[in-house]
Amino acid sequence: MYVIFAYLGGGYALALKVFAFCLLPIFCIWWSDAMGGWTGARLGAPSITAESPGCVVYFLGWTLLLVPIIACLVRRFFI
């Protein structure tokens, strides 16, 4: 839905950016156990020394995916 709304509201470039934003949370939701099992250095980032529980990765994936909706609701009702 995010990608469709982005395309309708801002065109192809915005839809591509939104798609890229949605990839990590979707991977965290679908493959939470596998992503939680990553340890070591990744792409120059600091080393991850311990595995993360899959349920935490799953929850944070959903949280990151829902942040735009939560931000829109806060903006609409509180600002």
PDB file of N, CA and C in Angstrom:
ATOM      1  N   MET A   1       0.819  -1.194   0.000  1.00  0.00           N
ATOM      2  CA  MET A   1       0.000   0.000   0.000  1.00  0.00           C
ATOM      3  C   MET A   1       0.863   1.258   0.000  1.00  0.00           C
ATOM      4  N   TYR A   2       1.950   1.244   0.785  1.00  0.00           N
ATOM      5  CA  TYR A   2       2.819   2.416   0.832  1.00  0.00           C
ATOM      6  C   TYR A   2       3.327   2.775  -0.557  1.00  0.00           C
ATOM      7  N   VAL A   3       3.744   1.782  -1.309  1.00  0.00           N
ATOM      8  CA  VAL A   3       4.330   2.026  -2.626  1.00  0.00           C
ATOM      9  C   VAL A   3       3.276   2.585  -3.579  1.00  0.00           C
ATOM     10  N   ILE A   4       2.071   2.068  -3.520  1.00  0.00           N
ATOM     11  CA  ILE A   4       0.992   2.550  -4.392  1.00  0.00           C
ATOM     12  C   ILE A   4       0.670   3.999  -4.075  1.00  0.00           C
ATOM     13  N   PHE A   5       0.517   4.313  -2.790  1.00  0.00           N
ATOM     14  CA  PHE A   5       0.226   5.691  -2.408  1.00  0.00           C
ATOM     15  C   PHE A   5       1.368   6.628  -2.773  1.00  0.00           C
ATOM     16  N   ALA A   6       2.591   6.167  -2.626  1.00  0.00           N
ATOM     17  CA  ALA A   6       3.738   6.991  -2.992  1.00  0.00           C
ATOM     18  C   ALA A   6       3.757   7.253  -4.493  1.00  0.00           C
ATOM     19  N   TYR A   7       3.444   6.238  -5.287  1.00  0.00           N
ATOM     20  CA  TYR A   7       3.412   6.416  -6.734  1.00  0.00           C
ATOM     21  C   TYR A   7       2.313   7.402  -7.139  1.00  0.00           C
ATOM     22  N   LEU A   8       1.148   7.254  -6.537  1.00  0.00           N
ATOM     23  CA  LEU A   8       0.037   8.156  -6.870  1.00  0.00           C
ATOM     24  C   LEU A   8       0.310   9.583  -6.409  1.00  0.00           C
ATOM     25  N   GLY A   9       0.996   9.722  -5.282  1.00  0.00           N
ATOM     26  CA  GLY A   9       1.241  11.052  -4.740  1.00  0.00           C
ATOM     27  C   GLY A   9       2.505  11.726  -5.227  1.00  0.00           C
ATOM     28  N   GLY A  10       3.502  10.947  -5.631  1.00  0.00           N
ATOM     29  CA  GLY A  10       4.765  11.579  -5.974  1.00  0.00           C
ATOM     30  C   GLY A  10       5.482  11.002  -7.171  1.00  0.00           C
ATOM     31  N   GLY A  11       4.923   9.987  -7.792  1.00  0.00           N
ATOM     32  CA  GLY A  11       5.531   9.447  -8.993  1.00  0.00           C
ATOM     33  C   GLY A  11       6.461   8.277  -8.729  1.00  0.00           C
ATOM     34  N   TYR A  12       7.154   7.902  -9.792  1.00  0.00           N
ATOM     35  CA  TYR A  12       7.987   6.700  -9.795  1.00  0.00           C
ATOM     36  C   TYR A  12       9.166   6.793  -8.824  1.00  0.00           C
ATOM     37  N   ALA A  13       9.822   7.946  -8.766  1.00  0.00           N
ATOM     38  CA  ALA A  13      11.009   8.089  -7.915  1.00  0.00           C
ATOM     39  C   ALA A  13      10.652   7.918  -6.439  1.00  0.00           C
ATOM     40  N   LEU A  14       9.571   8.526  -6.009  1.00  0.00           N
ATOM     41  CA  LEU A  14       9.151   8.390  -4.614  1.00  0.00           C
ATOM     42  C   LEU A  14       8.714   6.957  -4.317  1.00  0.00           C
ATOM     43  N   ALA A  15       8.022   6.330  -5.249  1.00  0.00           N
ATOM     44  CA  ALA A  15       7.593   4.944  -5.050  1.00  0.00           C
ATOM     45  C   ALA A  15       8.800   4.029  -4.893  1.00  0.00           C
ATOM     46  N   LEU A  16       9.858   4.273  -5.638  1.00  0.00           N
ATOM     47  CA  LEU A  16      11.070   3.468  -5.521  1.00  0.00           C
ATOM     48  C   LEU A  16      11.743   3.671  -4.164  1.00  0.00           C
ATOM     49  N   LYS A  17      11.773   4.898  -3.666  1.00  0.00           N
ATOM     50  CA  LYS A  17      12.343   5.171  -2.347  1.00  0.00           C
ATOM     51  C   LYS A  17      11.534   4.500  -1.242  1.00  0.00           C
ATOM     52  N   VAL A  18      10.227   4.551  -1.359  1.00  0.00           N
ATOM     53  CA  VAL A  18       9.368   3.918  -0.355  1.00  0.00           C
ATOM     54  C   VAL A  18       9.533   2.402  -0.394  1.00  0.00           C
ATOM     55  N   PHE A  19       9.647   1.838  -1.580  1.00  0.00           N
ATOM     56  CA  PHE A  19       9.886   0.403  -1.715  1.00  0.00           C
ATOM     57  C   PHE A  19      11.185   0.010  -1.028  1.00  0.00           C
ATOM     58  N   ALA A  20      12.231   0.803  -1.244  1.00  0.00           N
ATOM     59  CA  ALA A  20      13.526   0.525  -0.608  1.00  0.00           C
ATOM     60  C   ALA A  20      13.414   0.618   0.916  1.00  0.00           C
ATOM     61  N   PHE A  21      12.647   1.583   1.423  1.00  0.00           N
ATOM     62  CA  PHE A  21      12.438   1.721   2.865  1.00  0.00           C
ATOM     63  C   PHE A  21      11.730   0.492   3.432  1.00  0.00           C
ATOM     64  N   CYS A  22      10.801  -0.072   2.693  1.00  0.00           N
ATOM     65  CA  CYS A  22       9.989  -1.191   3.185  1.00  0.00           C
ATOM     66  C   CYS A  22      10.712  -2.531   3.154  1.00  0.00           C
ATOM     67  N   LEU A  23      11.803  -2.637   2.427  1.00  0.00           N
ATOM     68  CA  LEU A  23      12.467  -3.936   2.303  1.00  0.00           C
ATOM     69  C   LEU A  23      12.987  -4.476   3.631  1.00  0.00           C
ATOM     70  N   LEU A  24      13.729  -3.690   4.388  1.00  0.00           N
ATOM     71  CA  LEU A  24      14.298  -4.176   5.648  1.00  0.00           C
ATOM     72  C   LEU A  24      13.221  -4.626   6.635  1.00  0.00           C
ATOM     73  N   PRO A  25      12.181  -3.820   6.894  1.00  0.00           N
ATOM     74  CA  PRO A  25      11.151  -4.310   7.819  1.00  0.00           C
ATOM     75  C   PRO A  25      10.465  -5.587   7.341  1.00  0.00           C
ATOM     76  N   ILE A  26      10.227  -5.709   6.049  1.00  0.00           N
ATOM     77  CA  ILE A  26       9.581  -6.913   5.534  1.00  0.00           C
ATOM     78  C   ILE A  26      10.492  -8.121   5.717  1.00  0.00           C
ATOM     79  N   PHE A  27      11.790  -7.952   5.452  1.00  0.00           N
ATOM     80  CA  PHE A  27      12.729  -9.048   5.691  1.00  0.00           C
ATOM     81  C   PHE A  27      12.761  -9.421   7.171  1.00  0.00           C
ATOM     82  N   CYS A  28      12.704  -8.428   8.049  1.00  0.00           N
ATOM     83  CA  CYS A  28      12.709  -8.698   9.496  1.00  0.00           C
ATOM     84  C   CYS A  28      11.452  -9.453   9.925  1.00  0.00           C
ATOM     85  N   ILE A  29      10.334  -9.187   9.281  1.00  0.00           N
ATOM     86  CA  ILE A  29       9.087  -9.865   9.621  1.00  0.00           C
ATOM     87  C   ILE A  29       9.083 -11.291   9.072  1.00  0.00           C
ATOM     88  N   TRP A  30       9.429 -11.453   7.810  1.00  0.00           N
ATOM     89  CA  TRP A  30       9.356 -12.768   7.175  1.00  0.00           C
ATOM     90  C   TRP A  30      10.436 -13.720   7.658  1.00  0.00           C
ATOM     91  N   TRP A  31      11.651 -13.237   7.840  1.00  0.00           N
ATOM     92  CA  TRP A  31      12.779 -14.088   8.212  1.00  0.00           C
ATOM     93  C   TRP A  31      13.402 -13.616   9.522  1.00  0.00           C
ATOM     94  N   SER A  32      12.587 -13.450  10.550  1.00  0.00           N
ATOM     95  CA  SER A  32      13.052 -12.882  11.815  1.00  0.00           C
ATOM     96  C   SER A  32      14.104 -13.758  12.490  1.00  0.00           C
ATOM     97  N   ASP A  33      13.933 -15.054  12.483  1.00  0.00           N
ATOM     98  CA  ASP A  33      14.921 -15.929  13.119  1.00  0.00           C
ATOM     99  C   ASP A  33      16.261 -15.885  12.386  1.00  0.00           C
ATOM    100  N   ALA A  34      16.216 -15.909  11.073  1.00  0.00           N
ATOM    101  CA  ALA A  34      17.459 -15.861  10.294  1.00  0.00           C
ATOM    102  C   ALA A  34      18.162 -14.515  10.463  1.00  0.00           C
ATOM    103  N   MET A  35      17.407 -13.439  10.468  1.00  0.00           N
ATOM    104  CA  MET A  35      18.022 -12.113  10.609  1.00  0.00           C
ATOM    105  C   MET A  35      18.533 -11.904  12.033  1.00  0.00           C
ATOM    106  N   GLY A  36      17.862 -12.488  13.005  1.00  0.00           N
ATOM    107  CA  GLY A  36      18.328 -12.391  14.379  1.00  0.00           C
ATOM    108  C   GLY A  36      19.600 -13.173  14.622  1.00  0.00           C
ATOM    109  N   GLY A  37      19.877 -14.132  13.762  1.00  0.00           N
ATOM    110  CA  GLY A  37      21.069 -14.949  13.911  1.00  0.00           C
ATOM    111  C   GLY A  37      22.342 -14.336  13.347  1.00  0.00           C
ATOM    112  N   TRP A  38      22.239 -13.187  12.712  1.00  0.00           N
ATOM    113  CA  TRP A  38      23.431 -12.542  12.147  1.00  0.00           C
ATOM    114  C   TRP A  38      24.340 -12.031  13.252  1.00  0.00           C
ATOM    115  N   THR A  39      25.601 -12.346  13.165  1.00  0.00           N
ATOM    116  CA  THR A  39      26.612 -11.791  14.070  1.00  0.00           C
ATOM    117  C   THR A  39      27.822 -11.399  13.240  1.00  0.00           C
ATOM    118  N   GLY A  40      28.695 -10.613  13.827  1.00  0.00           N
ATOM    119  CA  GLY A  40      29.893 -10.161  13.123  1.00  0.00           C
ATOM    120  C   GLY A  40      29.691  -8.806  12.497  1.00  0.00           C
ATOM    121  N   ALA A  41      30.656  -8.371  11.707  1.00  0.00           N
ATOM    122  CA  ALA A  41      30.610  -7.061  11.065  1.00  0.00           C
ATOM    123  C   ALA A  41      29.838  -7.141   9.752  1.00  0.00           C
ATOM    124  N   ARG A  42      29.047  -6.140   9.464  1.00  0.00           N
ATOM    125  CA  ARG A  42      28.278  -6.057   8.223  1.00  0.00           C
ATOM    126  C   ARG A  42      28.486  -4.692   7.581  1.00  0.00           C
ATOM    127  N   LEU A  43      29.015  -4.657   6.396  1.00  0.00           N
ATOM    128  CA  LEU A  43      29.137  -3.440   5.600  1.00  0.00           C
ATOM    129  C   LEU A  43      29.776  -2.290   6.373  1.00  0.00           C
ATOM    130  N   GLY A  44      30.820  -2.567   7.091  1.00  0.00           N
ATOM    131  CA  GLY A  44      31.535  -1.524   7.821  1.00  0.00           C
ATOM    132  C   GLY A  44      30.867  -1.075   9.103  1.00  0.00           C
ATOM    133  N   ALA A  45      29.741  -1.674   9.464  1.00  0.00           N
ATOM    134  CA  ALA A  45      29.053  -1.318  10.712  1.00  0.00           C
ATOM    135  C   ALA A  45      29.777  -1.966  11.887  1.00  0.00           C
ATOM    136  N   PRO A  46      29.547  -1.460  13.085  1.00  0.00           N
ATOM    137  CA  PRO A  46      30.158  -2.097  14.256  1.00  0.00           C
ATOM    138  C   PRO A  46      29.752  -3.569  14.363  1.00  0.00           C
ATOM    139  N   SER A  47      30.607  -4.358  14.956  1.00  0.00           N
ATOM    140  CA  SER A  47      30.352  -5.790  15.075  1.00  0.00           C
ATOM    141  C   SER A  47      29.168  -6.082  15.975  1.00  0.00           C
ATOM    142  N   ILE A  48      28.374  -7.056  15.560  1.00  0.00           N
ATOM    143  CA  ILE A  48      27.274  -7.567  16.378  1.00  0.00           C
ATOM    144  C   ILE A  48      27.813  -8.810  17.052  1.00  0.00           C
ATOM    145  N   THR A  49      27.827  -8.813  18.384  1.00  0.00           N
ATOM    146  CA  THR A  49      28.506  -9.879  19.111  1.00  0.00           C
ATOM    147  C   THR A  49      27.591 -10.998  19.579  1.00  0.00           C
ATOM    148  N   ALA A  50      26.281 -10.776  19.581  1.00  0.00           N
ATOM    149  CA  ALA A  50      25.356 -11.808  20.055  1.00  0.00           C
ATOM    150  C   ALA A  50      24.141 -11.878  19.145  1.00  0.00           C
ATOM    151  N   GLU A  51      23.520 -13.048  19.097  1.00  0.00           N
ATOM    152  CA  GLU A  51      22.303 -13.205  18.305  1.00  0.00           C
ATOM    153  C   GLU A  51      21.139 -12.501  18.984  1.00  0.00           C
ATOM    154  N   SER A  52      20.196 -12.031  18.179  1.00  0.00           N
ATOM    155  CA  SER A  52      18.981 -11.406  18.694  1.00  0.00           C
ATOM    156  C   SER A  52      17.843 -12.416  18.610  1.00  0.00           C
ATOM    157  N   PRO A  53      16.954 -12.436  19.596  1.00  0.00           N
ATOM    158  CA  PRO A  53      15.805 -13.344  19.516  1.00  0.00           C
ATOM    159  C   PRO A  53      14.923 -12.997  18.317  1.00  0.00           C
ATOM    160  N   GLY A  54      14.423 -14.009  17.645  1.00  0.00           N
ATOM    161  CA  GLY A  54      13.586 -13.783  16.473  1.00  0.00           C
ATOM    162  C   GLY A  54      12.344 -12.971  16.770  1.00  0.00           C
ATOM    163  N   CYS A  55      11.757 -13.146  17.952  1.00  0.00           N
ATOM    164  CA  CYS A  55      10.546 -12.395  18.292  1.00  0.00           C
ATOM    165  C   CYS A  55      10.821 -10.899  18.411  1.00  0.00           C
ATOM    166  N   VAL A  56      12.019 -10.528  18.870  1.00  0.00           N
ATOM    167  CA  VAL A  56      12.386  -9.111  18.975  1.00  0.00           C
ATOM    168  C   VAL A  56      12.577  -8.521  17.574  1.00  0.00           C
ATOM    169  N   VAL A  57      13.239  -9.260  16.699  1.00  0.00           N
ATOM    170  CA  VAL A  57      13.434  -8.806  15.318  1.00  0.00           C
ATOM    171  C   VAL A  57      12.084  -8.656  14.627  1.00  0.00           C
ATOM    172  N   TYR A  58      11.188  -9.590  14.842  1.00  0.00           N
ATOM    173  CA  TYR A  58       9.834  -9.547  14.279  1.00  0.00           C
ATOM    174  C   TYR A  58       9.093  -8.299  14.758  1.00  0.00           C
ATOM    175  N   PHE A  59       9.107  -8.055  16.066  1.00  0.00           N
ATOM    176  CA  PHE A  59       8.420  -6.898  16.637  1.00  0.00           C
ATOM    177  C   PHE A  59       9.005  -5.584  16.110  1.00  0.00           C
ATOM    178  N   LEU A  60      10.325  -5.485  16.052  1.00  0.00           N
ATOM    179  CA  LEU A  60      10.951  -4.258  15.562  1.00  0.00           C
ATOM    180  C   LEU A  60      10.712  -4.064  14.066  1.00  0.00           C
ATOM    181  N   GLY A  61      10.598  -5.149  13.315  1.00  0.00           N
ATOM    182  CA  GLY A  61      10.248  -5.037  11.900  1.00  0.00           C
ATOM    183  C   GLY A  61       8.867  -4.429  11.719  1.00  0.00           C
ATOM    184  N   TRP A  62       7.899  -4.920  12.500  1.00  0.00           N
ATOM    185  CA  TRP A  62       6.556  -4.344  12.426  1.00  0.00           C
ATOM    186  C   TRP A  62       6.548  -2.893  12.896  1.00  0.00           C
ATOM    187  N   THR A  63       7.312  -2.605  13.942  1.00  0.00           N
ATOM    188  CA  THR A  63       7.378  -1.236  14.439  1.00  0.00           C
ATOM    189  C   THR A  63       7.910  -0.298  13.361  1.00  0.00           C
ATOM    190  N   LEU A  64       8.997  -0.681  12.725  1.00  0.00           N
ATOM    191  CA  LEU A  64       9.580   0.156  11.678  1.00  0.00           C
ATOM    192  C   LEU A  64       8.632   0.302  10.492  1.00  0.00           C
ATOM    193  N   LEU A  65       7.913  -0.747  10.158  1.00  0.00           N
ATOM    194  CA  LEU A  65       6.985  -0.688   9.037  1.00  0.00           C
ATOM    195  C   LEU A  65       5.788   0.213   9.339  1.00  0.00           C
ATOM    196  N   LEU A  66       5.378   0.279  10.598  1.00  0.00           N
ATOM    197  CA  LEU A  66       4.208   1.079  10.971  1.00  0.00           C
ATOM    198  C   LEU A  66       4.541   2.511  11.388  1.00  0.00           C
ATOM    199  N   VAL A  67       5.806   2.865  11.469  1.00  0.00           N
ATOM    200  CA  VAL A  67       6.195   4.222  11.875  1.00  0.00           C
ATOM    201  C   VAL A  67       5.551   5.299  10.996  1.00  0.00           C
ATOM    202  N   PRO A  68       5.508   5.175   9.663  1.00  0.00           N
ATOM    203  CA  PRO A  68       4.858   6.236   8.873  1.00  0.00           C
ATOM    204  C   PRO A  68       3.381   6.426   9.209  1.00  0.00           C
ATOM    205  N   ILE A  69       2.668   5.344   9.463  1.00  0.00           N
ATOM    206  CA  ILE A  69       1.250   5.461   9.822  1.00  0.00           C
ATOM    207  C   ILE A  69       1.102   6.134  11.177  1.00  0.00           C
ATOM    208  N   ILE A  70       1.913   5.730  12.143  1.00  0.00           N
ATOM    209  CA  ILE A  70       1.863   6.328  13.476  1.00  0.00           C
ATOM    210  C   ILE A  70       2.197   7.812  13.400  1.00  0.00           C
ATOM    211  N   ALA A  71       3.204   8.172  12.601  1.00  0.00           N
ATOM    212  CA  ALA A  71       3.588   9.574  12.455  1.00  0.00           C
ATOM    213  C   ALA A  71       2.458  10.395  11.836  1.00  0.00           C
ATOM    214  N   CYS A  72       1.782   9.837  10.848  1.00  0.00           N
ATOM    215  CA  CYS A  72       0.652  10.551  10.235  1.00  0.00           C
ATOM    216  C   CYS A  72      -0.491  10.742  11.220  1.00  0.00           C
ATOM    217  N   LEU A  73      -0.774   9.730  12.028  1.00  0.00           N
ATOM    218  CA  LEU A  73      -1.826   9.859  13.027  1.00  0.00           C
ATOM    219  C   LEU A  73      -1.483  10.889  14.085  1.00  0.00           C
ATOM    220  N   VAL A  74      -0.246  10.880  14.555  1.00  0.00           N
ATOM    221  CA  VAL A  74       0.186  11.870  15.553  1.00  0.00           C
ATOM    222  C   VAL A  74       0.080  13.278  14.957  1.00  0.00           C
ATOM    223  N   ARG A  75       0.538  13.411  13.725  1.00  0.00           N
ATOM    224  CA  ARG A  75       0.490  14.730  13.082  1.00  0.00           C
ATOM    225  C   ARG A  75      -0.946  15.206  12.904  1.00  0.00           C
ATOM    226  N   ARG A  76      -1.837  14.283  12.541  1.00  0.00           N
ATOM    227  CA  ARG A  76      -3.227  14.673  12.297  1.00  0.00           C
ATOM    228  C   ARG A  76      -3.957  15.055  13.577  1.00  0.00           C
ATOM    229  N   PHE A  77      -3.745  14.313  14.654  1.00  0.00           N
ATOM    230  CA  PHE A  77      -4.540  14.526  15.848  1.00  0.00           C
ATOM    231  C   PHE A  77      -3.869  15.369  16.924  1.00  0.00           C
ATOM    232  N   PHE A  78      -2.554  15.532  16.885  1.00  0.00           N
ATOM    233  CA  PHE A  78      -1.878  16.224  17.968  1.00  0.00           C
ATOM    234  C   PHE A  78      -1.114  17.468  17.539  1.00  0.00           C
ATOM    235  N   ILE A  79      -0.983  17.699  16.237  1.00  0.00           N
ATOM    236  CA  ILE A  79      -0.227  18.874  15.799  1.00  0.00           C
ATOM    237  C   ILE A  79      -1.143  19.770  14.995  1.00  0.00           C
TER     238      ILE A  79
END
